[in-house]
Amino acid sequence: MDKFPKFMRKPCNAVKLSKRSGNMEGYVFDGADGSQMVIWQSQKGGRSEMHTHDYDEYCLVVQGTFIGTVGGKKITLGPGDEAFIPAGVPHDGAYSANYRAIDAFGGRRVERKRS
């Protein structure tokens, strides 16, 4: 499977991408407490520049590879690998072609596209 199922990729949940998002396509699901789950996929691969959040982040790689830096330490994640990034910790990385991941954010990370 190279994409998440269609029911998970409904246009009403499509993420408004920023320059920081690179070649990602994302779909967001909001928690009642302000947290968010985002499914990301990229056919081309790309890069996420160094940044921080005011909230925790959790990432689970479903397909492809992510190679990056979290708090000054190099990480490599493949299918089934996960990472926890505490609030305020700088992180960046490159993701491969045909990359898919599920990220959970302890705060509001993304906005939806508006039609």
Protein backbone atom coordinates (compact mmCIF):
# COMPACT_ATOMS: atom_id res chain seq x y z
CA MET A 1 0.00 0.00 0.00
CA ASP A 2 1.57 3.32 -1.06
CA LYS A 3 -1.16 5.63 0.26
CA PHE A 4 -3.39 5.70 3.29
CA PRO A 5 -6.95 4.48 2.57
CA LYS A 6 -9.25 6.97 0.87
CA PHE A 7 -11.52 7.36 3.92
CA MET A 8 -8.49 8.74 5.81
CA ARG A 9 -7.70 11.23 3.01
CA LYS A 10 -10.95 13.16 2.82
CA PRO A 11 -10.55 16.70 1.43
CA CYS A 12 -12.26 18.18 4.53
CA ASN A 13 -9.29 16.98 6.62
CA ALA A 14 -6.52 18.03 4.20
CA VAL A 15 -3.71 19.99 5.82
CA LYS A 16 -2.87 23.50 4.67
CA LEU A 17 0.81 23.00 3.93
CA SER A 18 3.48 25.44 4.93
CA LYS A 19 6.94 25.88 3.46
CA ARG A 20 8.19 23.79 6.37
CA SER A 21 6.04 20.83 5.26
CA GLY A 22 8.09 20.16 2.12
CA ASN A 23 6.56 17.65 -0.30
CA MET A 24 4.17 16.19 2.26
CA GLU A 25 0.47 15.61 1.87
CA GLY A 26 -1.29 15.56 5.24
CA TYR A 27 -4.68 14.92 6.80
CA VAL A 28 -5.54 16.07 10.32
CA PHE A 29 -7.78 14.70 13.06
CA ASP A 30 -8.40 16.91 16.12
CA GLY A 31 -8.64 15.86 19.75
CA ALA A 32 -11.06 17.49 22.18
CA ASP A 33 -8.07 18.71 24.23
CA GLY A 34 -6.46 20.58 21.31
CA SER A 35 -4.10 17.77 20.35
CA GLN A 36 -3.87 16.57 16.75
CA MET A 37 -3.12 13.38 14.84
CA VAL A 38 -1.79 13.87 11.33
CA ILE A 39 -1.20 11.25 8.68
CA TRP A 40 1.56 12.28 6.30
CA GLN A 41 2.49 10.82 2.93
CA SER A 42 4.93 11.85 0.24
CA GLN A 43 5.55 10.21 -3.11
CA LYS A 44 8.62 12.35 -3.88
CA GLY A 45 10.34 12.55 -0.50
CA GLY A 46 11.68 15.77 0.93
CA ARG A 47 12.96 17.57 3.97
CA SER A 48 11.63 19.13 7.15
CA GLU A 49 13.84 22.02 8.29
CA MET A 50 15.02 22.45 11.90
CA HIS A 51 12.15 23.59 14.15
CA THR A 52 10.64 23.22 17.62
CA HIS A 53 7.14 22.96 19.08
CA ASP A 54 5.65 24.14 22.38
CA TYR A 55 4.17 20.65 22.81
CA ASP A 56 5.28 17.01 22.58
CA GLU A 57 5.35 15.09 19.30
CA TYR A 58 5.21 11.35 18.62
CA CYS A 59 5.96 9.84 15.22
CA LEU A 60 5.39 6.32 13.86
CA VAL A 61 6.84 5.53 10.43
CA VAL A 62 4.56 3.31 8.35
CA GLN A 63 6.52 3.20 5.08
CA GLY A 64 9.84 4.57 3.86
CA THR A 65 12.67 6.08 5.88
CA PHE A 66 13.20 9.19 7.98
CA ILE A 67 16.77 10.30 8.74
CA GLY A 68 17.12 13.29 10.99
CA THR A 69 18.31 14.98 14.14
CA VAL A 70 16.43 15.22 17.42
CA GLY A 71 18.04 17.30 20.14
CA GLY A 72 21.44 17.03 18.44
CA LYS A 73 21.27 13.21 18.11
CA LYS A 74 21.03 11.49 14.73
CA ILE A 75 18.09 9.15 14.23
CA THR A 76 17.05 6.78 11.46
CA LEU A 77 13.49 5.50 11.41
CA GLY A 78 12.04 2.83 9.16
CA PRO A 79 8.68 1.04 9.04
CA GLY A 80 7.47 0.30 12.56
CA ASP A 81 9.99 2.63 14.22
CA GLU A 82 8.80 5.40 16.47
CA ALA A 83 10.20 8.56 18.03
CA PHE A 84 9.14 10.83 20.88
CA ILE A 85 10.17 14.48 20.66
CA PRO A 86 9.62 16.47 23.86
CA ALA A 87 8.34 20.04 23.69
CA GLY A 88 11.07 22.57 22.88
CA VAL A 89 13.55 20.06 21.41
CA PRO A 90 14.92 21.10 17.98
CA HIS A 91 14.41 18.51 15.24
CA ASP A 92 14.72 18.14 11.47
CA GLY A 93 15.16 15.45 8.89
CA ALA A 94 14.75 14.03 5.43
CA TYR A 95 12.11 11.54 4.39
CA SER A 96 12.33 9.11 1.50
CA ALA A 97 10.12 8.76 -1.52
CA ASN A 98 6.92 6.80 -0.79
CA TYR A 99 7.06 7.90 2.85
CA ARG A 100 4.07 7.50 5.15
CA ALA A 101 3.89 8.33 8.86
CA ILE A 102 1.43 9.01 11.64
CA ASP A 103 2.27 11.88 13.99
CA ALA A 104 0.55 12.86 17.22
CA PHE A 105 1.00 16.40 18.52
CA GLY A 106 0.19 17.54 22.05
CA GLY A 107 -1.03 20.86 20.62
CA ARG A 108 -2.31 22.47 17.46
CA ARG A 109 0.34 21.84 14.78
CA VAL A 110 -1.57 22.31 11.50
CA GLU A 111 -4.54 24.04 9.96
CA ARG A 112 -6.98 22.57 7.45
CA LYS A 113 -7.10 23.75 3.85
CA ARG A 114 -10.10 25.88 3.10
CA SER A 115 -11.99 25.17 -0.12
